[in-house]
């Protein structure tokens, strides 16, 4: 059986040099039956969103995929998870601790980080929790708008163990229209316990 092809990291994207960690992550994903499909955009900066987020397993498969691809993606994680030794591992993988009760400054701080960085990909789960929600948190949209960077949707589809890469788009000035468009993109995909409807 031939191993699945892996999307290539484009030259402008932030990335890590190949190494044993990448080979191990690919082996683990392949052994578990997971694959990554789609094309990564040749962009130095973007906000990457992942959904549906219904299980802790999403984080495990997502981090393995990030390492397997060699992608240098920062990702926001609640500060409570940054205890030793997990915090050390999360930081090494690109984790950025977030105090969820004080979110008012996160958009400005993150947009400033985008402006300071030559290359920066940031991953966020728009649902903000593993529980079913009727409305997504909109911080990812505000960060992308303020930083002037596109949004890249990534989906988890557990029925066939696929992590899929969508097409990037630049957010408009209409939040509700953009959220409707994104929800429509995610409608076919099923997480471990649910979809995004």
N, C-alpha and C. Protein backbone atom coordinates (compact mmCIF):
# COMPACT_ATOMS: atom_id res chain seq x y z
N UNK A 1 0.84 -1.19 0.00
CA UNK A 1 0.00 0.00 0.00
C UNK A 1 0.88 1.24 0.00
N UNK A 2 0.61 2.15 -0.91
CA UNK A 2 1.41 3.37 -1.03
C UNK A 2 0.99 4.38 0.03
N UNK A 3 1.98 5.00 0.68
CA UNK A 3 1.69 6.03 1.68
C UNK A 3 1.08 7.25 0.99
N UNK A 4 0.15 7.94 1.63
CA UNK A 4 -0.48 9.11 1.01
C UNK A 4 0.53 10.23 0.77
N UNK A 5 0.30 10.99 -0.29
CA UNK A 5 1.16 12.14 -0.57
C UNK A 5 0.85 13.23 0.45
N UNK A 6 1.88 13.96 0.84
CA UNK A 6 1.70 15.04 1.80
C UNK A 6 1.78 16.38 1.07
N UNK A 7 0.91 17.34 1.42
CA UNK A 7 1.00 18.66 0.79
C UNK A 7 2.39 19.26 1.05
N UNK A 8 2.91 19.93 0.04
CA UNK A 8 4.24 20.54 0.16
C UNK A 8 4.12 21.89 0.86
N UNK A 9 5.14 22.22 1.64
CA UNK A 9 5.20 23.55 2.25
C UNK A 9 5.71 24.53 1.20
N UNK A 10 4.93 25.56 0.87
CA UNK A 10 5.37 26.54 -0.13
C UNK A 10 6.49 27.43 0.43
N UNK A 11 7.28 28.02 -0.46
CA UNK A 11 8.47 28.76 -0.01
C UNK A 11 8.21 29.93 0.94
N UNK A 12 7.09 30.63 0.78
CA UNK A 12 6.84 31.81 1.62
C UNK A 12 6.31 31.47 3.00
N UNK A 13 5.84 30.24 3.19
CA UNK A 13 5.21 29.85 4.45
C UNK A 13 6.25 29.67 5.55
N UNK A 14 5.91 30.02 6.79
CA UNK A 14 6.83 29.74 7.90
C UNK A 14 6.93 28.23 8.12
N UNK A 15 8.15 27.73 8.21
CA UNK A 15 8.32 26.28 8.28
C UNK A 15 9.58 25.89 9.00
N UNK A 16 9.61 24.63 9.43
CA UNK A 16 10.76 24.05 10.10
C UNK A 16 11.53 23.19 9.12
N UNK A 17 12.82 23.04 9.37
CA UNK A 17 13.65 22.17 8.54
C UNK A 17 13.23 20.72 8.75
N UNK A 18 13.37 19.88 7.71
CA UNK A 18 13.04 18.46 7.88
C UNK A 18 13.89 17.82 8.96
N UNK A 19 13.32 16.84 9.63
CA UNK A 19 14.05 16.15 10.69
C UNK A 19 13.31 14.92 11.13
N UNK A 20 13.84 14.23 12.13
CA UNK A 20 13.22 12.98 12.59
C UNK A 20 11.81 13.18 13.15
N UNK A 21 11.54 14.35 13.74
CA UNK A 21 10.20 14.60 14.26
C UNK A 21 9.15 14.59 13.17
N UNK A 22 9.50 15.14 12.01
CA UNK A 22 8.56 15.16 10.89
C UNK A 22 8.27 13.73 10.41
N UNK A 23 9.31 12.94 10.28
CA UNK A 23 9.14 11.56 9.83
C UNK A 23 8.31 10.75 10.83
N UNK A 24 8.56 10.97 12.13
CA UNK A 24 7.81 10.25 13.15
C UNK A 24 6.33 10.65 13.12
N UNK A 25 6.05 11.96 13.00
CA UNK A 25 4.67 12.42 12.97
C UNK A 25 3.93 11.86 11.76
N UNK A 26 4.59 11.82 10.62
CA UNK A 26 3.96 11.25 9.42
C UNK A 26 3.67 9.76 9.63
N UNK A 27 4.62 9.07 10.21
CA UNK A 27 4.44 7.63 10.44
C UNK A 27 3.26 7.39 11.38
N UNK A 28 3.17 8.18 12.45
CA UNK A 28 2.08 8.02 13.41
C UNK A 28 0.72 8.29 12.76
N UNK A 29 0.63 9.36 11.97
CA UNK A 29 -0.63 9.68 11.30
C UNK A 29 -1.00 8.58 10.30
N UNK A 30 -0.03 8.13 9.54
CA UNK A 30 -0.30 7.08 8.55
C UNK A 30 -0.73 5.78 9.23
N UNK A 31 -0.07 5.44 10.33
CA UNK A 31 -0.44 4.22 11.07
C UNK A 31 -1.87 4.32 11.62
N UNK A 32 -2.26 5.54 11.99
CA UNK A 32 -3.61 5.75 12.53
C UNK A 32 -4.65 5.91 11.42
N UNK A 33 -4.20 5.96 10.15
CA UNK A 33 -5.13 6.05 9.03
C UNK A 33 -5.48 7.46 8.61
N UNK A 34 -4.80 8.49 9.17
CA UNK A 34 -5.10 9.87 8.84
C UNK A 34 -4.31 10.35 7.63
N UNK A 35 -4.89 11.31 6.91
CA UNK A 35 -4.20 11.93 5.79
C UNK A 35 -4.52 13.43 5.77
N UNK A 36 -3.67 14.19 5.12
CA UNK A 36 -3.88 15.63 4.95
C UNK A 36 -4.04 15.89 3.46
N UNK A 37 -5.12 16.57 3.09
CA UNK A 37 -5.39 16.83 1.68
C UNK A 37 -5.51 18.33 1.42
N UNK A 38 -5.29 18.72 0.17
CA UNK A 38 -5.40 20.11 -0.22
C UNK A 38 -4.03 20.72 -0.46
N UNK A 39 -4.04 22.01 -0.74
CA UNK A 39 -2.81 22.73 -1.07
C UNK A 39 -2.62 23.88 -0.10
N UNK A 40 -1.45 23.96 0.50
CA UNK A 40 -1.14 25.08 1.39
C UNK A 40 -0.79 26.30 0.55
N UNK A 41 -1.31 27.47 0.91
CA UNK A 41 -1.05 28.67 0.11
C UNK A 41 0.35 29.22 0.31
N UNK A 42 0.89 29.81 -0.71
CA UNK A 42 2.23 30.40 -0.65
C UNK A 42 2.12 31.81 -0.09
N UNK A 43 1.83 31.89 1.20
CA UNK A 43 1.61 33.17 1.87
C UNK A 43 2.44 33.21 3.15
N UNK A 44 3.08 34.33 3.44
CA UNK A 44 3.90 34.41 4.65
C UNK A 44 3.10 34.63 5.93
N UNK A 45 1.88 35.15 5.80
CA UNK A 45 1.08 35.45 6.99
C UNK A 45 -0.37 35.07 6.73
N UNK A 46 -0.99 34.43 7.73
CA UNK A 46 -2.41 34.14 7.65
C UNK A 46 -2.93 33.67 9.00
N UNK A 47 -4.25 33.72 9.14
CA UNK A 47 -4.93 33.15 10.30
C UNK A 47 -5.58 31.86 9.83
N UNK A 48 -5.19 30.77 10.44
CA UNK A 48 -5.70 29.45 10.09
C UNK A 48 -6.76 29.07 11.11
N UNK A 49 -7.94 28.64 10.64
CA UNK A 49 -8.98 28.23 11.57
C UNK A 49 -9.29 26.75 11.36
N UNK A 50 -9.52 26.03 12.46
CA UNK A 50 -9.79 24.60 12.40
C UNK A 50 -11.12 24.26 13.05
N UNK A 51 -11.95 23.48 12.33
CA UNK A 51 -13.25 23.05 12.84
C UNK A 51 -13.67 21.79 12.06
N UNK A 52 -14.66 21.06 12.51
CA UNK A 52 -15.30 21.15 13.82
C UNK A 52 -14.34 20.71 14.93
N UNK A 53 -14.47 21.33 16.08
CA UNK A 53 -13.62 21.01 17.22
C UNK A 53 -14.52 20.41 18.30
N UNK A 54 -14.54 19.07 18.36
CA UNK A 54 -15.46 18.39 19.28
C UNK A 54 -14.77 17.40 20.20
N UNK A 55 -13.43 17.33 20.14
CA UNK A 55 -12.73 16.32 20.92
C UNK A 55 -11.29 16.77 21.19
N UNK A 56 -10.73 16.26 22.30
CA UNK A 56 -9.31 16.49 22.57
C UNK A 56 -8.44 15.90 21.47
N UNK A 57 -8.95 14.86 20.81
CA UNK A 57 -8.19 14.24 19.74
C UNK A 57 -7.87 15.21 18.61
N UNK A 58 -8.73 16.23 18.40
CA UNK A 58 -8.46 17.22 17.35
C UNK A 58 -7.10 17.86 17.55
N UNK A 59 -6.79 18.19 18.80
CA UNK A 59 -5.50 18.80 19.09
C UNK A 59 -4.34 17.87 18.81
N UNK A 60 -4.52 16.59 19.14
CA UNK A 60 -3.45 15.62 18.90
C UNK A 60 -3.22 15.43 17.41
N UNK A 61 -4.30 15.17 16.65
CA UNK A 61 -4.14 14.98 15.21
C UNK A 61 -3.66 16.26 14.54
N UNK A 62 -4.18 17.40 14.98
CA UNK A 62 -3.76 18.68 14.40
C UNK A 62 -2.28 18.97 14.63
N UNK A 63 -1.79 18.72 15.85
CA UNK A 63 -0.38 18.94 16.14
C UNK A 63 0.51 17.96 15.38
N UNK A 64 0.08 16.72 15.28
CA UNK A 64 0.84 15.75 14.50
C UNK A 64 0.91 16.19 13.03
N UNK A 65 -0.20 16.68 12.49
CA UNK A 65 -0.21 17.14 11.10
C UNK A 65 0.71 18.34 10.92
N UNK A 66 0.68 19.26 11.85
CA UNK A 66 1.55 20.44 11.80
C UNK A 66 3.02 20.03 11.76
N UNK A 67 3.40 19.09 12.62
CA UNK A 67 4.79 18.61 12.66
C UNK A 67 5.11 17.82 11.39
N UNK A 68 4.17 16.98 10.97
CA UNK A 68 4.39 16.16 9.77
C UNK A 68 4.61 17.01 8.53
N UNK A 69 3.92 18.13 8.44
CA UNK A 69 4.06 19.03 7.29
C UNK A 69 5.32 19.89 7.39
N UNK A 70 5.80 20.09 8.62
CA UNK A 70 6.92 21.00 8.83
C UNK A 70 6.47 22.44 8.92
N UNK A 71 5.17 22.65 9.20
CA UNK A 71 4.61 24.00 9.27
C UNK A 71 4.89 24.64 10.63
N UNK A 72 5.36 25.86 10.62
CA UNK A 72 5.59 26.62 11.85
C UNK A 72 4.34 27.45 12.11
N UNK A 73 3.41 26.87 12.85
CA UNK A 73 2.12 27.52 13.12
C UNK A 73 1.99 27.77 14.61
N UNK A 74 1.80 29.03 14.98
CA UNK A 74 1.49 29.35 16.37
C UNK A 74 0.02 29.05 16.60
N UNK A 75 -0.34 28.71 17.83
CA UNK A 75 -1.75 28.41 18.11
C UNK A 75 -2.08 28.84 19.52
N UNK A 76 -3.29 29.38 19.67
CA UNK A 76 -3.74 29.88 20.96
C UNK A 76 -4.31 28.74 21.81
N UNK A 77 -3.89 28.71 23.06
CA UNK A 77 -4.33 27.68 23.99
C UNK A 77 -4.65 28.35 25.33
N UNK A 78 -5.70 27.87 26.00
CA UNK A 78 -6.03 28.46 27.30
C UNK A 78 -4.85 28.31 28.26
N UNK A 79 -4.61 29.37 29.01
CA UNK A 79 -3.44 29.43 29.89
C UNK A 79 -3.40 28.29 30.91
N UNK A 80 -4.57 27.77 31.27
CA UNK A 80 -4.63 26.71 32.28
C UNK A 80 -3.86 25.46 31.88
N UNK A 81 -3.63 25.26 30.59
CA UNK A 81 -2.93 24.06 30.13
C UNK A 81 -1.41 24.20 30.19
N UNK A 82 -0.92 25.39 30.52
CA UNK A 82 0.52 25.61 30.52
C UNK A 82 1.13 25.31 31.89
N UNK A 83 0.87 24.10 32.35
CA UNK A 83 1.51 23.63 33.58
C UNK A 83 2.65 22.69 33.18
N UNK A 84 3.61 22.51 34.08
CA UNK A 84 4.76 21.64 33.78
C UNK A 84 4.35 20.18 33.88
N UNK A 85 4.74 19.32 32.93
CA UNK A 85 5.62 19.58 31.79
C UNK A 85 4.88 19.91 30.50
N UNK A 86 3.52 19.85 30.53
CA UNK A 86 2.75 20.08 29.30
C UNK A 86 3.03 21.46 28.71
N UNK A 87 3.15 22.48 29.58
CA UNK A 87 3.40 23.83 29.09
C UNK A 87 4.67 23.94 28.26
N UNK A 88 5.72 23.24 28.70
CA UNK A 88 6.98 23.25 27.97
C UNK A 88 6.80 22.67 26.58
N UNK A 89 6.06 21.56 26.50
CA UNK A 89 5.81 20.91 25.21
C UNK A 89 4.97 21.82 24.31
N UNK A 90 3.90 22.41 24.87
CA UNK A 90 3.04 23.28 24.09
C UNK A 90 3.80 24.48 23.53
N UNK A 91 4.63 25.10 24.35
CA UNK A 91 5.42 26.25 23.86
C UNK A 91 6.37 25.83 22.73
N UNK A 92 6.98 24.68 22.90
CA UNK A 92 7.92 24.20 21.87
C UNK A 92 7.19 23.94 20.55
N UNK A 93 5.93 23.52 20.64
CA UNK A 93 5.15 23.25 19.44
C UNK A 93 4.51 24.50 18.84
N UNK A 94 4.65 25.63 19.52
CA UNK A 94 4.08 26.88 19.00
C UNK A 94 2.92 27.42 19.79
N UNK A 95 2.62 26.81 20.95
CA UNK A 95 1.50 27.25 21.76
C UNK A 95 1.67 28.64 22.34
N UNK A 96 0.61 29.42 22.30
CA UNK A 96 0.59 30.78 22.84
C UNK A 96 -0.47 30.81 23.94
N UNK A 97 -0.08 30.99 25.21
CA UNK A 97 -1.08 30.97 26.30
C UNK A 97 -2.00 32.19 26.24
N UNK A 98 -3.29 31.92 26.42
CA UNK A 98 -4.31 32.97 26.36
C UNK A 98 -5.12 32.96 27.65
N UNK A 99 -5.26 34.13 28.24
CA UNK A 99 -6.14 34.31 29.40
C UNK A 99 -7.53 34.62 28.87
N UNK A 100 -8.42 33.62 28.89
CA UNK A 100 -9.72 33.78 28.23
C UNK A 100 -10.62 34.80 28.90
N UNK A 101 -10.37 35.10 30.17
CA UNK A 101 -11.21 36.08 30.86
C UNK A 101 -10.78 37.52 30.56
N UNK A 102 -9.68 37.68 29.83
CA UNK A 102 -9.18 39.02 29.50
C UNK A 102 -8.88 39.12 28.02
N UNK A 103 -9.91 38.85 27.19
CA UNK A 103 -9.69 38.77 25.75
C UNK A 103 -9.67 40.14 25.06
N UNK A 104 -9.98 41.21 25.79
CA UNK A 104 -10.11 42.50 25.13
C UNK A 104 -8.83 42.96 24.43
N UNK A 105 -7.68 42.59 24.93
CA UNK A 105 -6.43 43.05 24.32
C UNK A 105 -5.80 42.07 23.35
N UNK A 106 -6.37 40.87 23.21
CA UNK A 106 -5.74 39.84 22.39
C UNK A 106 -5.72 40.23 20.92
N UNK A 107 -6.80 40.81 20.42
CA UNK A 107 -6.85 41.18 19.00
C UNK A 107 -5.75 42.18 18.67
N UNK A 108 -5.64 43.24 19.46
CA UNK A 108 -4.61 44.26 19.19
C UNK A 108 -3.20 43.69 19.33
N UNK A 109 -2.97 42.89 20.38
CA UNK A 109 -1.65 42.31 20.60
C UNK A 109 -1.26 41.37 19.46
N UNK A 110 -2.21 40.56 19.01
CA UNK A 110 -1.91 39.59 17.96
C UNK A 110 -1.72 40.29 16.62
N UNK A 111 -2.53 41.30 16.34
CA UNK A 111 -2.34 42.06 15.10
C UNK A 111 -0.97 42.73 15.08
N UNK A 112 -0.53 43.23 16.24
CA UNK A 112 0.80 43.85 16.33
C UNK A 112 1.88 42.80 16.09
N UNK A 113 1.66 41.60 16.57
CA UNK A 113 2.64 40.52 16.33
C UNK A 113 2.74 40.21 14.84
N UNK A 114 1.60 40.20 14.15
CA UNK A 114 1.63 39.99 12.70
C UNK A 114 2.45 41.09 12.02
N UNK A 115 2.25 42.33 12.45
CA UNK A 115 2.99 43.44 11.82
C UNK A 115 4.49 43.35 12.07
N UNK A 116 4.89 42.85 13.24
CA UNK A 116 6.31 42.72 13.58
C UNK A 116 6.98 41.54 12.88
N UNK A 117 6.20 40.57 12.49
CA UNK A 117 6.76 39.32 11.98
C UNK A 117 6.88 39.34 10.46
N UNK A 118 7.97 38.78 9.98
CA UNK A 118 8.13 38.62 8.53
C UNK A 118 7.25 37.49 8.03
N UNK A 119 7.14 36.42 8.85
CA UNK A 119 6.28 35.29 8.53
C UNK A 119 5.59 34.84 9.82
N UNK A 120 4.29 34.64 9.74
CA UNK A 120 3.56 34.21 10.93
C UNK A 120 2.23 33.59 10.51
N UNK A 121 2.06 32.31 10.82
CA UNK A 121 0.77 31.64 10.67
C UNK A 121 0.24 31.37 12.07
N UNK A 122 -1.03 31.70 12.29
CA UNK A 122 -1.64 31.54 13.59
C UNK A 122 -2.87 30.67 13.47
N UNK A 123 -2.95 29.60 14.28
CA UNK A 123 -4.10 28.71 14.27
C UNK A 123 -5.05 28.99 15.43
N UNK A 124 -6.35 28.99 15.13
CA UNK A 124 -7.39 29.27 16.13
C UNK A 124 -8.58 28.35 15.86
N UNK A 125 -9.22 27.86 16.93
CA UNK A 125 -10.48 27.13 16.76
C UNK A 125 -11.62 28.13 16.95
N UNK A 126 -12.38 28.43 15.89
CA UNK A 126 -13.41 29.48 16.01
C UNK A 126 -14.54 29.13 16.96
N UNK A 127 -14.77 27.83 17.21
CA UNK A 127 -15.81 27.46 18.16
C UNK A 127 -15.39 27.79 19.60
N UNK A 128 -14.08 27.79 19.84
CA UNK A 128 -13.56 28.18 21.14
C UNK A 128 -13.73 27.13 22.23
N UNK A 129 -14.38 26.03 21.93
CA UNK A 129 -14.64 24.98 22.91
C UNK A 129 -14.98 23.70 22.16
N UNK A 130 -14.90 22.56 22.87
CA UNK A 130 -15.30 21.30 22.25
C UNK A 130 -16.81 21.10 22.28
N UNK A 131 -17.52 21.90 23.07
CA UNK A 131 -18.98 21.78 23.17
C UNK A 131 -19.63 22.39 21.93
N UNK A 132 -20.85 21.93 21.64
CA UNK A 132 -21.60 22.50 20.51
C UNK A 132 -21.94 23.97 20.82
N UNK A 133 -21.72 24.84 19.85
CA UNK A 133 -22.06 26.26 20.02
C UNK A 133 -22.92 26.70 18.85
N UNK A 134 -23.78 27.68 19.10
CA UNK A 134 -24.62 28.19 18.03
C UNK A 134 -23.96 29.34 17.29
N UNK A 135 -23.00 29.98 17.93
CA UNK A 135 -22.30 31.09 17.28
C UNK A 135 -20.81 30.99 17.59
N UNK A 136 -20.00 31.15 16.56
CA UNK A 136 -18.55 31.10 16.74
C UNK A 136 -18.04 32.34 17.44
N UNK A 137 -16.92 32.19 18.11
CA UNK A 137 -16.19 33.36 18.62
C UNK A 137 -15.58 34.06 17.41
N UNK A 138 -15.54 35.38 17.43
CA UNK A 138 -15.16 36.12 16.23
C UNK A 138 -13.76 36.73 16.31
N UNK A 139 -13.00 36.37 17.35
CA UNK A 139 -11.66 36.93 17.49
C UNK A 139 -10.78 36.67 16.28
N UNK A 140 -10.87 35.48 15.69
CA UNK A 140 -10.03 35.16 14.53
C UNK A 140 -10.29 36.12 13.38
N UNK A 141 -11.58 36.48 13.18
CA UNK A 141 -11.96 37.39 12.09
C UNK A 141 -11.42 38.79 12.36
N UNK A 142 -11.56 39.26 13.61
CA UNK A 142 -11.08 40.60 13.96
C UNK A 142 -9.55 40.67 13.85
N UNK A 143 -8.86 39.60 14.25
CA UNK A 143 -7.40 39.57 14.13
C UNK A 143 -7.00 39.66 12.66
N UNK A 144 -7.63 38.83 11.81
CA UNK A 144 -7.29 38.84 10.38
C UNK A 144 -7.56 40.20 9.76
N UNK A 145 -8.70 40.81 10.10
CA UNK A 145 -9.04 42.13 9.56
C UNK A 145 -8.03 43.19 10.00
N UNK A 146 -7.74 43.21 11.29
CA UNK A 146 -6.85 44.23 11.83
C UNK A 146 -5.42 44.05 11.32
N UNK A 147 -5.00 42.79 11.14
CA UNK A 147 -3.64 42.52 10.67
C UNK A 147 -3.54 42.59 9.15
N UNK A 148 -4.68 42.58 8.45
CA UNK A 148 -4.66 42.62 7.00
C UNK A 148 -4.15 41.33 6.38
N UNK A 149 -4.55 40.18 6.97
CA UNK A 149 -4.10 38.90 6.46
C UNK A 149 -5.32 38.02 6.13
N UNK A 150 -5.14 37.04 5.23
CA UNK A 150 -6.26 36.17 4.89
C UNK A 150 -6.54 35.11 5.95
N UNK A 151 -7.69 34.47 5.82
CA UNK A 151 -8.10 33.37 6.69
C UNK A 151 -8.02 32.08 5.88
N UNK A 152 -7.42 31.05 6.47
CA UNK A 152 -7.33 29.75 5.81
C UNK A 152 -8.14 28.73 6.60
N UNK A 153 -9.26 28.22 6.04
CA UNK A 153 -10.04 27.21 6.76
C UNK A 153 -9.46 25.81 6.61
N UNK A 154 -9.35 25.11 7.73
CA UNK A 154 -8.89 23.73 7.79
C UNK A 154 -10.00 22.92 8.47
N UNK A 155 -10.31 21.75 7.92
CA UNK A 155 -11.38 20.96 8.52
C UNK A 155 -10.89 19.59 8.97
N UNK A 156 -11.56 19.06 10.00
CA UNK A 156 -11.40 17.68 10.44
C UNK A 156 -12.62 16.91 9.97
N UNK A 157 -12.40 15.78 9.28
CA UNK A 157 -13.51 14.92 8.87
C UNK A 157 -13.21 13.51 9.34
N UNK A 158 -13.78 13.16 10.49
CA UNK A 158 -13.46 11.89 11.14
C UNK A 158 -13.96 10.66 10.38
N UNK A 159 -15.10 10.72 9.66
CA UNK A 159 -15.54 9.49 8.97
C UNK A 159 -14.48 8.89 8.05
N UNK A 160 -13.68 9.72 7.36
CA UNK A 160 -12.61 9.15 6.55
C UNK A 160 -11.22 9.61 6.99
N UNK A 161 -11.13 10.10 8.24
CA UNK A 161 -9.85 10.48 8.85
C UNK A 161 -9.05 11.43 7.95
N UNK A 162 -9.67 12.54 7.64
CA UNK A 162 -9.05 13.53 6.77
C UNK A 162 -8.94 14.87 7.48
N UNK A 163 -7.77 15.50 7.33
CA UNK A 163 -7.60 16.90 7.68
C UNK A 163 -7.46 17.61 6.34
N UNK A 164 -8.41 18.47 6.03
CA UNK A 164 -8.46 19.10 4.72
C UNK A 164 -8.15 20.59 4.76
N UNK A 165 -7.52 21.05 3.70
CA UNK A 165 -7.12 22.46 3.58
C UNK A 165 -8.04 23.13 2.57
N UNK A 166 -8.72 24.19 3.00
CA UNK A 166 -9.59 24.94 2.11
C UNK A 166 -8.83 26.03 1.38
N UNK A 167 -9.56 26.92 0.75
CA UNK A 167 -8.96 28.04 0.02
C UNK A 167 -8.93 29.27 0.92
N UNK A 168 -7.82 30.01 0.92
CA UNK A 168 -7.77 31.23 1.74
C UNK A 168 -8.68 32.31 1.17
N UNK A 169 -9.20 33.14 2.06
CA UNK A 169 -9.95 34.30 1.58
C UNK A 169 -9.69 35.49 2.49
N UNK A 170 -9.79 36.66 1.90
CA UNK A 170 -9.59 37.90 2.65
C UNK A 170 -10.94 38.31 3.24
N UNK A 171 -11.00 38.51 4.56
CA UNK A 171 -12.29 38.89 5.15
C UNK A 171 -12.77 40.23 4.63
N UNK A 172 -14.08 40.33 4.47
CA UNK A 172 -14.68 41.57 4.01
C UNK A 172 -14.95 42.47 5.21
N UNK A 173 -15.75 43.52 5.02
CA UNK A 173 -16.14 44.36 6.15
C UNK A 173 -17.48 43.91 6.73
N UNK A 174 -17.96 42.74 6.27
CA UNK A 174 -19.25 42.22 6.73
C UNK A 174 -19.00 40.92 7.51
N UNK A 175 -18.92 41.04 8.82
CA UNK A 175 -18.65 39.89 9.67
C UNK A 175 -19.67 38.78 9.47
N UNK A 176 -20.96 39.11 9.50
CA UNK A 176 -21.99 38.08 9.41
C UNK A 176 -21.93 37.34 8.08
N UNK A 177 -21.69 38.06 6.99
CA UNK A 177 -21.59 37.41 5.68
C UNK A 177 -20.40 36.47 5.63
N UNK A 178 -19.28 36.89 6.21
CA UNK A 178 -18.09 36.04 6.21
C UNK A 178 -18.31 34.78 7.06
N UNK A 179 -18.97 34.94 8.21
CA UNK A 179 -19.25 33.78 9.06
C UNK A 179 -20.20 32.82 8.36
N UNK A 180 -21.19 33.35 7.65
CA UNK A 180 -22.11 32.50 6.90
C UNK A 180 -21.35 31.71 5.83
N UNK A 181 -20.44 32.37 5.16
CA UNK A 181 -19.64 31.72 4.12
C UNK A 181 -18.78 30.60 4.72
N UNK A 182 -18.17 30.88 5.86
CA UNK A 182 -17.32 29.87 6.50
C UNK A 182 -18.15 28.70 7.01
N UNK A 183 -19.28 28.98 7.61
CA UNK A 183 -20.13 27.89 8.12
C UNK A 183 -20.59 27.00 6.97
N UNK A 184 -20.86 27.60 5.81
CA UNK A 184 -21.27 26.81 4.65
C UNK A 184 -20.12 25.90 4.19
N UNK A 185 -18.89 26.41 4.25
CA UNK A 185 -17.74 25.59 3.89
C UNK A 185 -17.62 24.38 4.81
N UNK A 186 -17.86 24.59 6.10
CA UNK A 186 -17.68 23.52 7.08
C UNK A 186 -18.87 22.57 7.18
N UNK A 187 -20.00 22.92 6.59
CA UNK A 187 -21.23 22.12 6.75
C UNK A 187 -21.07 20.63 6.44
N UNK A 188 -20.32 20.23 5.40
CA UNK A 188 -20.24 18.79 5.10
C UNK A 188 -19.36 17.97 6.05
N UNK A 189 -18.52 18.63 6.84
CA UNK A 189 -17.48 17.91 7.57
C UNK A 189 -17.94 17.54 8.98
N UNK A 190 -17.55 16.36 9.41
CA UNK A 190 -17.98 15.83 10.70
C UNK A 190 -16.79 15.62 11.61
N UNK A 191 -16.85 16.22 12.81
CA UNK A 191 -15.83 15.99 13.81
C UNK A 191 -16.03 14.65 14.49
N UNK A 192 -15.28 14.41 15.53
CA UNK A 192 -15.39 13.13 16.23
C UNK A 192 -16.78 12.92 16.82
N UNK A 193 -17.39 14.02 17.32
CA UNK A 193 -18.69 13.90 17.98
C UNK A 193 -19.81 14.69 17.30
N UNK A 194 -19.46 15.56 16.37
CA UNK A 194 -20.50 16.40 15.74
C UNK A 194 -19.91 17.16 14.56
N UNK A 195 -20.79 17.88 13.85
CA UNK A 195 -20.37 18.80 12.83
C UNK A 195 -20.39 20.22 13.39
N UNK A 196 -20.50 21.21 12.51
CA UNK A 196 -20.50 22.61 12.96
C UNK A 196 -21.88 23.24 12.91
N UNK A 197 -22.89 22.46 12.48
CA UNK A 197 -24.23 23.06 12.35
C UNK A 197 -24.78 23.49 13.69
